[in-house]
Amino acid sequence: MKKLLAIALTVLATVFAFGTPAFAADAAAGAQVFAANCAACHAGGNNAVMPTKTLKADALKTYLAGYKDGSKSLEEAVAYQVTNGQGAMPAFGGRLSDADIANVAAYIADQAENNKW
């Protein structure tokens, strides 16, 4: 009985350790959210309102709160910016779901970190 319990606990621990969490952001879904809500100002990773504040990795490191000082990951900093807005950028918290914001943050981070813009 103890052996069976040990095996069951080992299997459970392995599933939790290596399984994909249910809350993991989906960059592919984020691309759709971006196209519908962000591309008007940020097409191709650019910024139609403030041209120096692009979504390219080098630019994000210079101005994105939390990311430039290393206190947040790129995804966390983008999600915060999208949720709360700043300056000319409106807040999307309440307009987009938390999942949509996480997904678009994953998409932007993937595009920026892999030089896809």
PDB file of N, CA and C in Angstrom:
ATOM      1  N   MET A   1       0.822  -1.189   0.000  1.00  0.00           N
ATOM      2  CA  MET A   1       0.000   0.000   0.000  1.00  0.00           C
ATOM      3  C   MET A   1       0.870   1.258   0.000  1.00  0.00           C
ATOM      4  N   LYS A   2       1.915   1.244   0.820  1.00  0.00           N
ATOM      5  CA  LYS A   2       2.799   2.408   0.873  1.00  0.00           C
ATOM      6  C   LYS A   2       3.495   2.620  -0.468  1.00  0.00           C
ATOM      7  N   LYS A   3       3.844   1.512  -1.114  1.00  0.00           N
ATOM      8  CA  LYS A   3       4.516   1.596  -2.409  1.00  0.00           C
ATOM      9  C   LYS A   3       3.580   2.223  -3.447  1.00  0.00           C
ATOM     10  N   LEU A   4       2.319   1.818  -3.440  1.00  0.00           N
ATOM     11  CA  LEU A   4       1.332   2.356  -4.371  1.00  0.00           C
ATOM     12  C   LEU A   4       1.121   3.850  -4.133  1.00  0.00           C
ATOM     13  N   LEU A   5       1.046   4.247  -2.885  1.00  0.00           N
ATOM     14  CA  LEU A   5       0.891   5.661  -2.546  1.00  0.00           C
ATOM     15  C   LEU A   5       2.110   6.464  -2.993  1.00  0.00           C
ATOM     16  N   ALA A   6       3.292   5.923  -2.799  1.00  0.00           N
ATOM     17  CA  ALA A   6       4.519   6.606  -3.225  1.00  0.00           C
ATOM     18  C   ALA A   6       4.546   6.781  -4.739  1.00  0.00           C
ATOM     19  N   ILE A   7       4.119   5.762  -5.472  1.00  0.00           N
ATOM     20  CA  ILE A   7       4.078   5.858  -6.939  1.00  0.00           C
ATOM     21  C   ILE A   7       3.068   6.910  -7.369  1.00  0.00           C
ATOM     22  N   ALA A   8       1.899   6.895  -6.760  1.00  0.00           N
ATOM     23  CA  ALA A   8       0.860   7.870  -7.107  1.00  0.00           C
ATOM     24  C   ALA A   8       1.329   9.296  -6.833  1.00  0.00           C
ATOM     25  N   LEU A   9       1.979   9.505  -5.702  1.00  0.00           N
ATOM     26  CA  LEU A   9       2.481  10.842  -5.369  1.00  0.00           C
ATOM     27  C   LEU A   9       3.587  11.273  -6.328  1.00  0.00           C
ATOM     28  N   THR A  10       4.424  10.347  -6.738  1.00  0.00           N
ATOM     29  CA  THR A  10       5.486  10.660  -7.694  1.00  0.00           C
ATOM     30  C   THR A  10       4.895  11.070  -9.037  1.00  0.00           C
ATOM     31  N   VAL A  11       3.897  10.330  -9.493  1.00  0.00           N
ATOM     32  CA  VAL A  11       3.241  10.666 -10.761  1.00  0.00           C
ATOM     33  C   VAL A  11       2.584  12.038 -10.662  1.00  0.00           C
ATOM     34  N   LEU A  12       1.881  12.283  -9.584  1.00  0.00           N
ATOM     35  CA  LEU A  12       1.231  13.586  -9.397  1.00  0.00           C
ATOM     36  C   LEU A  12       2.247  14.718  -9.369  1.00  0.00           C
ATOM     37  N   ALA A  13       3.322  14.540  -8.652  1.00  0.00           N
ATOM     38  CA  ALA A  13       4.358  15.576  -8.574  1.00  0.00           C
ATOM     39  C   ALA A  13       4.962  15.842  -9.945  1.00  0.00           C
ATOM     40  N   THR A  14       5.165  14.789 -10.724  1.00  0.00           N
ATOM     41  CA  THR A  14       5.719  14.953 -12.070  1.00  0.00           C
ATOM     42  C   THR A  14       4.763  15.730 -12.962  1.00  0.00           C
ATOM     43  N   VAL A  15       3.485  15.411 -12.889  1.00  0.00           N
ATOM     44  CA  VAL A  15       2.490  16.125 -13.694  1.00  0.00           C
ATOM     45  C   VAL A  15       2.481  17.600 -13.333  1.00  0.00           C
ATOM     46  N   PHE A  16       2.486  17.914 -12.054  1.00  0.00           N
ATOM     47  CA  PHE A  16       2.473  19.316 -11.642  1.00  0.00           C
ATOM     48  C   PHE A  16       3.773  20.030 -11.981  1.00  0.00           C
ATOM     49  N   ALA A  17       4.874  19.336 -11.907  1.00  0.00           N
ATOM     50  CA  ALA A  17       6.169  19.965 -12.177  1.00  0.00           C
ATOM     51  C   ALA A  17       6.378  20.248 -13.652  1.00  0.00           C
ATOM     52  N   PHE A  18       5.899  19.373 -14.515  1.00  0.00           N
ATOM     53  CA  PHE A  18       6.194  19.509 -15.939  1.00  0.00           C
ATOM     54  C   PHE A  18       4.979  19.806 -16.801  1.00  0.00           C
ATOM     55  N   GLY A  19       3.807  19.790 -16.228  1.00  0.00           N
ATOM     56  CA  GLY A  19       2.607  20.085 -16.997  1.00  0.00           C
ATOM     57  C   GLY A  19       2.527  21.563 -17.315  1.00  0.00           C
ATOM     58  N   THR A  20       1.837  21.893 -18.386  1.00  0.00           N
ATOM     59  CA  THR A  20       1.644  23.286 -18.754  1.00  0.00           C
ATOM     60  C   THR A  20       0.577  23.876 -17.851  1.00  0.00           C
ATOM     61  N   PRO A  21       0.859  24.975 -17.174  1.00  0.00           N
ATOM     62  CA  PRO A  21      -0.147  25.557 -16.296  1.00  0.00           C
ATOM     63  C   PRO A  21      -1.341  26.076 -17.096  1.00  0.00           C
ATOM     64  N   ALA A  22      -2.511  26.006 -16.489  1.00  0.00           N
ATOM     65  CA  ALA A  22      -3.734  26.420 -17.166  1.00  0.00           C
ATOM     66  C   ALA A  22      -3.722  27.906 -17.497  1.00  0.00           C
ATOM     67  N   PHE A  23      -2.943  28.679 -16.769  1.00  0.00           N
ATOM     68  CA  PHE A  23      -2.937  30.116 -16.971  1.00  0.00           C
ATOM     69  C   PHE A  23      -1.834  30.589 -17.912  1.00  0.00           C
ATOM     70  N   ALA A  24      -1.133  29.670 -18.527  1.00  0.00           N
ATOM     71  CA  ALA A  24      -0.043  30.066 -19.426  1.00  0.00           C
ATOM     72  C   ALA A  24      -0.597  30.911 -20.566  1.00  0.00           C
ATOM     73  N   ALA A  25       0.092  31.978 -20.875  1.00  0.00           N
ATOM     74  CA  ALA A  25      -0.349  32.876 -21.934  1.00  0.00           C
ATOM     75  C   ALA A  25      -0.144  32.225 -23.292  1.00  0.00           C
ATOM     76  N   ASP A  26      -0.964  32.614 -24.243  1.00  0.00           N
ATOM     77  CA  ASP A  26      -0.968  32.048 -25.586  1.00  0.00           C
ATOM     78  C   ASP A  26      -0.629  33.151 -26.584  1.00  0.00           C
ATOM     79  N   ALA A  27       0.612  33.144 -27.081  1.00  0.00           N
ATOM     80  CA  ALA A  27       1.061  34.194 -28.000  1.00  0.00           C
ATOM     81  C   ALA A  27       0.263  34.187 -29.298  1.00  0.00           C
ATOM     82  N   ALA A  28      -0.164  33.021 -29.775  1.00  0.00           N
ATOM     83  CA  ALA A  28      -0.951  32.958 -31.012  1.00  0.00           C
ATOM     84  C   ALA A  28      -2.300  33.653 -30.822  1.00  0.00           C
ATOM     85  N   ALA A  29      -2.933  33.418 -29.682  1.00  0.00           N
ATOM     86  CA  ALA A  29      -4.185  34.119 -29.387  1.00  0.00           C
ATOM     87  C   ALA A  29      -3.916  35.606 -29.200  1.00  0.00           C
ATOM     88  N   GLY A  30      -2.753  35.928 -28.628  1.00  0.00           N
ATOM     89  CA  GLY A  30      -2.371  37.327 -28.445  1.00  0.00           C
ATOM     90  C   GLY A  30      -2.210  38.067 -29.753  1.00  0.00           C
ATOM     91  N   ALA A  31      -1.791  37.373 -30.801  1.00  0.00           N
ATOM     92  CA  ALA A  31      -1.666  38.003 -32.121  1.00  0.00           C
ATOM     93  C   ALA A  31      -3.023  38.495 -32.608  1.00  0.00           C
ATOM     94  N   GLN A  32      -4.064  37.735 -32.332  1.00  0.00           N
ATOM     95  CA  GLN A  32      -5.417  38.140 -32.725  1.00  0.00           C
ATOM     96  C   GLN A  32      -5.891  39.338 -31.906  1.00  0.00           C
ATOM     97  N   VAL A  33      -5.605  39.309 -30.610  1.00  0.00           N
ATOM     98  CA  VAL A  33      -5.971  40.440 -29.744  1.00  0.00           C
ATOM     99  C   VAL A  33      -5.231  41.690 -30.204  1.00  0.00           C
ATOM    100  N   PHE A  34      -3.943  41.542 -30.524  1.00  0.00           N
ATOM    101  CA  PHE A  34      -3.126  42.661 -30.997  1.00  0.00           C
ATOM    102  C   PHE A  34      -3.707  43.242 -32.281  1.00  0.00           C
ATOM    103  N   ALA A  35      -4.043  42.384 -33.234  1.00  0.00           N
ATOM    104  CA  ALA A  35      -4.584  42.848 -34.515  1.00  0.00           C
ATOM    105  C   ALA A  35      -5.878  43.631 -34.320  1.00  0.00           C
ATOM    106  N   ALA A  36      -6.703  43.197 -33.389  1.00  0.00           N
ATOM    107  CA  ALA A  36      -7.998  43.840 -33.177  1.00  0.00           C
ATOM    108  C   ALA A  36      -7.935  45.090 -32.313  1.00  0.00           C
ATOM    109  N   ASN A  37      -6.944  45.183 -31.416  1.00  0.00           N
ATOM    110  CA  ASN A  37      -6.953  46.262 -30.427  1.00  0.00           C
ATOM    111  C   ASN A  37      -5.726  47.156 -30.406  1.00  0.00           C
ATOM    112  N   CYS A  38      -4.621  46.716 -30.970  1.00  0.00           N
ATOM    113  CA  CYS A  38      -3.353  47.433 -30.815  1.00  0.00           C
ATOM    114  C   CYS A  38      -2.737  47.898 -32.131  1.00  0.00           C
ATOM    115  N   ALA A  39      -3.024  47.166 -33.200  1.00  0.00           N
ATOM    116  CA  ALA A  39      -2.332  47.402 -34.469  1.00  0.00           C
ATOM    117  C   ALA A  39      -2.597  48.780 -35.060  1.00  0.00           C
ATOM    118  N   ALA A  40      -3.690  49.416 -34.714  1.00  0.00           N
ATOM    119  CA  ALA A  40      -3.961  50.749 -35.259  1.00  0.00           C
ATOM    120  C   ALA A  40      -2.844  51.724 -34.902  1.00  0.00           C
ATOM    121  N   CYS A  41      -2.288  51.590 -33.725  1.00  0.00           N
ATOM    122  CA  CYS A  41      -1.183  52.461 -33.302  1.00  0.00           C
ATOM    123  C   CYS A  41       0.171  51.756 -33.346  1.00  0.00           C
ATOM    124  N   HIS A  42       0.180  50.427 -33.247  1.00  0.00           N
ATOM    125  CA  HIS A  42       1.439  49.696 -33.083  1.00  0.00           C
ATOM    126  C   HIS A  42       1.714  48.685 -34.194  1.00  0.00           C
ATOM    127  N   ALA A  43       1.207  48.897 -35.380  1.00  0.00           N
ATOM    128  CA  ALA A  43       1.439  47.958 -36.486  1.00  0.00           C
ATOM    129  C   ALA A  43       2.935  47.752 -36.702  1.00  0.00           C
ATOM    130  N   GLY A  44       3.325  46.514 -36.868  1.00  0.00           N
ATOM    131  CA  GLY A  44       4.725  46.196 -37.118  1.00  0.00           C
ATOM    132  C   GLY A  44       5.649  46.515 -35.964  1.00  0.00           C
ATOM    133  N   GLY A  45       5.090  46.686 -34.763  1.00  0.00           N
ATOM    134  CA  GLY A  45       5.910  47.016 -33.603  1.00  0.00           C
ATOM    135  C   GLY A  45       6.278  48.483 -33.523  1.00  0.00           C
ATOM    136  N   ASN A  46       5.698  49.281 -34.381  1.00  0.00           N
ATOM    137  CA  ASN A  46       5.973  50.720 -34.378  1.00  0.00           C
ATOM    138  C   ASN A  46       5.022  51.437 -33.436  1.00  0.00           C
ATOM    139  N   ASN A  47       5.114  52.754 -33.388  1.00  0.00           N
ATOM    140  CA  ASN A  47       4.237  53.568 -32.559  1.00  0.00           C
ATOM    141  C   ASN A  47       3.848  54.789 -33.375  1.00  0.00           C
ATOM    142  N   ALA A  48       2.587  54.847 -33.778  1.00  0.00           N
ATOM    143  CA  ALA A  48       2.109  55.933 -34.627  1.00  0.00           C
ATOM    144  C   ALA A  48       2.018  57.258 -33.880  1.00  0.00           C
ATOM    145  N   VAL A  49       1.895  57.223 -32.569  1.00  0.00           N
ATOM    146  CA  VAL A  49       1.732  58.438 -31.776  1.00  0.00           C
ATOM    147  C   VAL A  49       3.083  58.979 -31.308  1.00  0.00           C
ATOM    148  N   MET A  50       3.934  58.100 -30.787  1.00  0.00           N
ATOM    149  CA  MET A  50       5.267  58.482 -30.303  1.00  0.00           C
ATOM    150  C   MET A  50       6.290  57.561 -30.965  1.00  0.00           C
ATOM    151  N   PRO A  51       6.802  57.946 -32.123  1.00  0.00           N
ATOM    152  CA  PRO A  51       7.652  57.058 -32.925  1.00  0.00           C
ATOM    153  C   PRO A  51       8.874  56.475 -32.215  1.00  0.00           C
ATOM    154  N   THR A  52       9.383  57.109 -31.183  1.00  0.00           N
ATOM    155  CA  THR A  52      10.558  56.554 -30.496  1.00  0.00           C
ATOM    156  C   THR A  52      10.187  55.430 -29.531  1.00  0.00           C
ATOM    157  N   LYS A  53       8.928  55.334 -29.156  1.00  0.00           N
ATOM    158  CA  LYS A  53       8.487  54.314 -28.199  1.00  0.00           C
ATOM    159  C   LYS A  53       7.876  53.125 -28.944  1.00  0.00           C
ATOM    160  N   THR A  54       8.743  52.420 -29.667  1.00  0.00           N
ATOM    161  CA  THR A  54       8.292  51.252 -30.416  1.00  0.00           C
ATOM    162  C   THR A  54       8.181  50.044 -29.488  1.00  0.00           C
ATOM    163  N   LEU A  55       7.757  48.936 -30.054  1.00  0.00           N
ATOM    164  CA  LEU A  55       7.663  47.688 -29.300  1.00  0.00           C
ATOM    165  C   LEU A  55       8.857  46.781 -29.565  1.00  0.00           C
ATOM    166  N   LYS A  56       9.896  47.345 -30.095  1.00  0.00           N
ATOM    167  CA  LYS A  56      11.124  46.590 -30.340  1.00  0.00           C
ATOM    168  C   LYS A  56      11.906  46.482 -29.028  1.00  0.00           C
ATOM    169  N   ALA A  57      12.628  45.387 -28.862  1.00  0.00           N
ATOM    170  CA  ALA A  57      13.291  45.077 -27.586  1.00  0.00           C
ATOM    171  C   ALA A  57      14.179  46.209 -27.085  1.00  0.00           C
ATOM    172  N   ASP A  58      15.010  46.771 -27.948  1.00  0.00           N
ATOM    173  CA  ASP A  58      15.924  47.833 -27.506  1.00  0.00           C
ATOM    174  C   ASP A  58      15.168  49.053 -27.004  1.00  0.00           C
ATOM    175  N   ALA A  59      14.079  49.402 -27.662  1.00  0.00           N
ATOM    176  CA  ALA A  59      13.291  50.558 -27.234  1.00  0.00           C
ATOM    177  C   ALA A  59      12.567  50.272 -25.922  1.00  0.00           C
ATOM    178  N   LEU A  60      11.983  49.090 -25.795  1.00  0.00           N
ATOM    179  CA  LEU A  60      11.248  48.749 -24.574  1.00  0.00           C
ATOM    180  C   LEU A  60      12.131  48.850 -23.342  1.00  0.00           C
ATOM    181  N   LYS A  61      13.396  48.488 -23.482  1.00  0.00           N
ATOM    182  CA  LYS A  61      14.328  48.546 -22.353  1.00  0.00           C
ATOM    183  C   LYS A  61      14.583  49.974 -21.893  1.00  0.00           C
ATOM    184  N   THR A  62      14.321  50.951 -22.737  1.00  0.00           N
ATOM    185  CA  THR A  62      14.592  52.340 -22.365  1.00  0.00           C
ATOM    186  C   THR A  62      13.409  53.037 -21.709  1.00  0.00           C
ATOM    187  N   TYR A  63      12.195  52.535 -21.904  1.00  0.00           N
ATOM    188  CA  TYR A  63      11.055  53.290 -21.373  1.00  0.00           C
ATOM    189  C   TYR A  63       9.997  52.480 -20.628  1.00  0.00           C
ATOM    190  N   LEU A  64       9.965  51.188 -20.756  1.00  0.00           N
ATOM    191  CA  LEU A  64       8.870  50.417 -20.174  1.00  0.00           C
ATOM    192  C   LEU A  64       9.086  50.213 -18.678  1.00  0.00           C
ATOM    193  N   ALA A  65       8.212  50.808 -17.880  1.00  0.00           N
ATOM    194  CA  ALA A  65       8.314  50.741 -16.418  1.00  0.00           C
ATOM    195  C   ALA A  65       8.355  49.294 -15.951  1.00  0.00           C
ATOM    196  N   GLY A  66       9.237  49.023 -15.021  1.00  0.00           N
ATOM    197  CA  GLY A  66       9.386  47.681 -14.484  1.00  0.00           C
ATOM    198  C   GLY A  66      10.364  46.840 -15.277  1.00  0.00           C
ATOM    199  N   TYR A  67      10.334  46.963 -16.589  1.00  0.00           N
ATOM    200  CA  TYR A  67      11.250  46.183 -17.430  1.00  0.00           C
ATOM    201  C   TYR A  67      12.612  46.846 -17.499  1.00  0.00           C
ATOM    202  N   LYS A  68      12.612  48.174 -17.606  1.00  0.00           N
ATOM    203  CA  LYS A  68      13.905  48.860 -17.734  1.00  0.00           C
ATOM    204  C   LYS A  68      14.739  48.756 -16.463  1.00  0.00           C
ATOM    205  N   ASP A  69      14.090  48.620 -15.303  1.00  0.00           N
ATOM    206  CA  ASP A  69      14.860  48.484 -14.059  1.00  0.00           C
ATOM    207  C   ASP A  69      15.008  47.022 -13.617  1.00  0.00           C
ATOM    208  N   GLY A  70      14.450  46.103 -14.393  1.00  0.00           N
ATOM    209  CA  GLY A  70      14.601  44.682 -14.106  1.00  0.00           C
ATOM    210  C   GLY A  70      13.672  44.123 -13.049  1.00  0.00           C
ATOM    211  N   SER A  71      12.721  44.915 -12.566  1.00  0.00           N
ATOM    212  CA  SER A  71      11.828  44.418 -11.517  1.00  0.00           C
ATOM    213  C   SER A  71      10.688  43.554 -12.061  1.00  0.00           C
ATOM    214  N   LYS A  72      10.457  43.611 -13.379  1.00  0.00           N
ATOM    215  CA  LYS A  72       9.409  42.801 -14.005  1.00  0.00           C
ATOM    216  C   LYS A  72       9.966  42.163 -15.265  1.00  0.00           C
ATOM    217  N   SER A  73       9.401  41.009 -15.604  1.00  0.00           N
ATOM    218  CA  SER A  73       9.739  40.413 -16.892  1.00  0.00           C
ATOM    219  C   SER A  73       9.104  41.272 -17.982  1.00  0.00           C
ATOM    220  N   LEU A  74       9.501  41.057 -19.209  1.00  0.00           N
ATOM    221  CA  LEU A  74       8.917  41.819 -20.311  1.00  0.00           C
ATOM    222  C   LEU A  74       7.414  41.589 -20.379  1.00  0.00           C
ATOM    223  N   GLU A  75       6.975  40.340 -20.251  1.00  0.00           N
ATOM    224  CA  GLU A  75       5.537  40.056 -20.295  1.00  0.00           C
ATOM    225  C   GLU A  75       4.794  40.766 -19.171  1.00  0.00           C
ATOM    226  N   GLU A  76       5.341  40.741 -17.969  1.00  0.00           N
ATOM    227  CA  GLU A  76       4.689  41.406 -16.832  1.00  0.00           C
ATOM    228  C   GLU A  76       4.596  42.909 -17.062  1.00  0.00           C
ATOM    229  N   ALA A  77       5.671  43.504 -17.551  1.00  0.00           N
ATOM    230  CA  ALA A  77       5.685  44.950 -17.774  1.00  0.00           C
ATOM    231  C   ALA A  77       4.711  45.349 -18.877  1.00  0.00           C
ATOM    232  N   VAL A  78       4.648  44.560 -19.944  1.00  0.00           N
ATOM    233  CA  VAL A  78       3.701  44.853 -21.029  1.00  0.00           C
ATOM    234  C   VAL A  78       2.273  44.700 -20.520  1.00  0.00           C
ATOM    235  N   ALA A  79       1.998  43.631 -19.777  1.00  0.00           N
ATOM    236  CA  ALA A  79       0.651  43.424 -19.239  1.00  0.00           C
ATOM    237  C   ALA A  79       0.239  44.589 -18.344  1.00  0.00           C
ATOM    238  N   TYR A  80       1.162  45.077 -17.523  1.00  0.00           N
ATOM    239  CA  TYR A  80       0.875  46.224 -16.661  1.00  0.00           C
ATOM    240  C   TYR A  80       0.547  47.462 -17.502  1.00  0.00           C
ATOM    241  N   GLN A  81       1.353  47.710 -18.529  1.00  0.00           N
ATOM    242  CA  GLN A  81       1.147  48.877 -19.397  1.00  0.00           C
ATOM    243  C   GLN A  81      -0.195  48.780 -20.125  1.00  0.00           C
ATOM    244  N   VAL A  82      -0.506  47.598 -20.656  1.00  0.00           N
ATOM    245  CA  VAL A  82      -1.768  47.418 -21.379  1.00  0.00           C
ATOM    246  C   VAL A  82      -2.945  47.597 -20.426  1.00  0.00           C
ATOM    247  N   THR A  83      -2.844  47.057 -19.240  1.00  0.00           N
ATOM    248  CA  THR A  83      -3.931  47.150 -18.264  1.00  0.00           C
ATOM    249  C   THR A  83      -4.171  48.583 -17.812  1.00  0.00           C
ATOM    250  N   ASN A  84      -3.098  49.309 -17.509  1.00  0.00           N
ATOM    251  CA  ASN A  84      -3.216  50.626 -16.878  1.00  0.00           C
ATOM    252  C   ASN A  84      -3.029  51.811 -17.811  1.00  0.00           C
ATOM    253  N   GLY A  85      -2.447  51.578 -18.980  1.00  0.00           N
ATOM    254  CA  GLY A  85      -2.169  52.685 -19.890  1.00  0.00           C
ATOM    255  C   GLY A  85      -1.125  53.622 -19.315  1.00  0.00           C
ATOM    256  N   GLN A  86      -0.738  54.588 -20.110  1.00  0.00           N
ATOM    257  CA  GLN A  86       0.186  55.634 -19.658  1.00  0.00           C
ATOM    258  C   GLN A  86       0.304  56.652 -20.777  1.00  0.00           C
ATOM    259  N   GLY A  87       0.293  57.918 -20.423  1.00  0.00           N
ATOM    260  CA  GLY A  87       0.403  58.963 -21.430  1.00  0.00           C
ATOM    261  C   GLY A  87      -0.705  58.844 -22.460  1.00  0.00           C
ATOM    262  N   ALA A  88      -0.336  58.811 -23.733  1.00  0.00           N
ATOM    263  CA  ALA A  88      -1.320  58.748 -24.811  1.00  0.00           C
ATOM    264  C   ALA A  88      -1.960  57.367 -24.948  1.00  0.00           C
ATOM    265  N   MET A  89      -1.357  56.355 -24.345  1.00  0.00           N
ATOM    266  CA  MET A  89      -1.918  55.009 -24.470  1.00  0.00           C
ATOM    267  C   MET A  89      -3.038  54.808 -23.462  1.00  0.00           C
ATOM    268  N   PRO A  90      -4.219  54.425 -23.956  1.00  0.00           N
ATOM    269  CA  PRO A  90      -5.336  54.201 -23.032  1.00  0.00           C
ATOM    270  C   PRO A  90      -5.168  52.899 -22.257  1.00  0.00           C
ATOM    271  N   ALA A  91      -5.837  52.828 -21.128  1.00  0.00           N
ATOM    272  CA  ALA A  91      -5.863  51.598 -20.337  1.00  0.00           C
ATOM    273  C   ALA A  91      -6.855  50.621 -20.962  1.00  0.00           C
ATOM    274  N   PHE A  92      -6.445  49.366 -21.068  1.00  0.00           N
ATOM    275  CA  PHE A  92      -7.326  48.339 -21.611  1.00  0.00           C
ATOM    276  C   PHE A  92      -7.869  47.418 -20.528  1.00  0.00           C
ATOM    277  N   GLY A  93      -7.474  47.635 -19.274  1.00  0.00           N
ATOM    278  CA  GLY A  93      -8.048  46.879 -18.172  1.00  0.00           C
ATOM    279  C   GLY A  93      -9.533  47.189 -18.108  1.00  0.00           C
ATOM    280  N   GLY A  94     -10.370  46.170 -18.044  1.00  0.00           N
ATOM    281  CA  GLY A  94     -11.810  46.380 -18.062  1.00  0.00           C
ATOM    282  C   GLY A  94     -12.382  46.309 -19.466  1.00  0.00           C
ATOM    283  N   ARG A  95     -11.564  46.614 -20.470  1.00  0.00           N
ATOM    284  CA  ARG A  95     -12.006  46.497 -21.870  1.00  0.00           C
ATOM    285  C   ARG A  95     -11.596  45.149 -22.448  1.00  0.00           C
ATOM    286  N   LEU A  96     -10.467  44.637 -21.986  1.00  0.00           N
ATOM    287  CA  LEU A  96      -9.999  43.308 -22.374  1.00  0.00           C
ATOM    288  C   LEU A  96      -9.977  42.431 -21.128  1.00  0.00           C
ATOM    289  N   SER A  97     -10.181  41.148 -21.313  1.00  0.00           N
ATOM    290  CA  SER A  97     -10.107  40.222 -20.173  1.00  0.00           C
ATOM    291  C   SER A  97      -8.653  40.072 -19.732  1.00  0.00           C
ATOM    292  N   ASP A  98      -8.464  39.579 -18.519  1.00  0.00           N
ATOM    293  CA  ASP A  98      -7.105  39.315 -18.033  1.00  0.00           C
ATOM    294  C   ASP A  98      -6.388  38.327 -18.951  1.00  0.00           C
ATOM    295  N   ALA A  99      -7.127  37.339 -19.458  1.00  0.00           N
ATOM    296  CA  ALA A  99      -6.528  36.350 -20.364  1.00  0.00           C
ATOM    297  C   ALA A  99      -6.090  37.010 -21.665  1.00  0.00           C
ATOM    298  N   ASP A 100      -6.924  37.903 -22.217  1.00  0.00           N
ATOM    299  CA  ASP A 100      -6.545  38.606 -23.449  1.00  0.00           C
ATOM    300  C   ASP A 100      -5.303  39.460 -23.230  1.00  0.00           C
ATOM    301  N   ILE A 101      -5.229  40.128 -22.083  1.00  0.00           N
ATOM    302  CA  ILE A 101      -4.066  40.965 -21.780  1.00  0.00           C
ATOM    303  C   ILE A 101      -2.818  40.097 -21.633  1.00  0.00           C
ATOM    304  N   ALA A 102      -2.937  38.973 -20.942  1.00  0.00           N
ATOM    305  CA  ALA A 102      -1.789  38.061 -20.807  1.00  0.00           C
ATOM    306  C   ALA A 102      -1.356  37.533 -22.168  1.00  0.00           C
ATOM    307  N   ASN A 103      -2.322  37.214 -23.011  1.00  0.00           N
ATOM    308  CA  ASN A 103      -1.998  36.690 -24.341  1.00  0.00           C
ATOM    309  C   ASN A 103      -1.324  37.738 -25.216  1.00  0.00           C
ATOM    310  N   VAL A 104      -1.829  38.965 -25.195  1.00  0.00           N
ATOM    311  CA  VAL A 104      -1.208  40.003 -26.025  1.00  0.00           C
ATOM    312  C   VAL A 104       0.177  40.350 -25.481  1.00  0.00           C
ATOM    313  N   ALA A 105       0.351  40.296 -24.174  1.00  0.00           N
ATOM    314  CA  ALA A 105       1.680  40.534 -23.593  1.00  0.00           C
ATOM    315  C   ALA A 105       2.654  39.442 -24.031  1.00  0.00           C
ATOM    316  N   ALA A 106       2.185  38.194 -24.068  1.00  0.00           N
ATOM    317  CA  ALA A 106       3.032  37.089 -24.536  1.00  0.00           C
ATOM    318  C   ALA A 106       3.403  37.283 -26.002  1.00  0.00           C
ATOM    319  N   TYR A 107       2.451  37.733 -26.797  1.00  0.00           N
ATOM    320  CA  TYR A 107       2.712  37.977 -28.221  1.00  0.00           C
ATOM    321  C   TYR A 107       3.740  39.090 -28.410  1.00  0.00           C
ATOM    322  N   ILE A 108       3.556  40.203 -27.715  1.00  0.00           N
ATOM    323  CA  ILE A 108       4.486  41.334 -27.842  1.00  0.00           C
ATOM    324  C   ILE A 108       5.878  40.925 -27.373  1.00  0.00           C
ATOM    325  N   ALA A 109       5.955  40.212 -26.255  1.00  0.00           N
ATOM    326  CA  ALA A 109       7.258  39.762 -25.748  1.00  0.00           C
ATOM    327  C   ALA A 109       7.937  38.830 -26.747  1.00  0.00           C
ATOM    328  N   ASP A 110       7.179  37.914 -27.310  1.00  0.00           N
ATOM    329  CA  ASP A 110       7.744  36.992 -28.299  1.00  0.00           C
ATOM    330  C   ASP A 110       8.255  37.751 -29.522  1.00  0.00           C
ATOM    331  N   GLN A 111       7.472  38.679 -30.001  1.00  0.00           N
ATOM    332  CA  GLN A 111       7.878  39.469 -31.174  1.00  0.00           C
ATOM    333  C   GLN A 111       9.147  40.272 -30.877  1.00  0.00           C
ATOM    334  N   ALA A 112       9.171  40.916 -29.706  1.00  0.00           N
ATOM    335  CA  ALA A 112      10.307  41.779 -29.355  1.00  0.00           C
ATOM    336  C   ALA A 112      11.570  40.963 -29.078  1.00  0.00           C
ATOM    337  N   GLU A 113      11.438  39.929 -28.255  1.00  0.00           N
ATOM    338  CA  GLU A 113      12.613  39.158 -27.845  1.00  0.00           C
ATOM    339  C   GLU A 113      13.230  38.359 -28.989  1.00  0.00           C
ATOM    340  N   ASN A 114      12.443  38.058 -29.999  1.00  0.00           N
ATOM    341  CA  ASN A 114      12.934  37.262 -31.123  1.00  0.00           C
ATOM    342  C   ASN A 114      13.100  38.085 -32.398  1.00  0.00           C
ATOM    343  N   ASN A 115      13.128  39.412 -32.232  1.00  0.00           N
ATOM    344  CA  ASN A 115      13.335  40.339 -33.358  1.00  0.00           C
ATOM    345  C   ASN A 115      12.420  40.047 -34.542  1.00  0.00           C
ATOM    346  N   LYS A 116      11.145  39.850 -34.246  1.00  0.00           N
ATOM    347  CA  LYS A 116      10.168  39.559 -35.295  1.00  0.00           C
ATOM    348  C   LYS A 116       9.458  40.807 -35.814  1.00  0.00           C
ATOM    349  N   TRP A 117       9.659  41.936 -35.173  1.00  0.00           N
ATOM    350  CA  TRP A 117       8.997  43.155 -35.644  1.00  0.00           C
ATOM    351  C   TRP A 117       9.680  43.648 -36.886  1.00  0.00           C
TER     352      TRP A 117
END
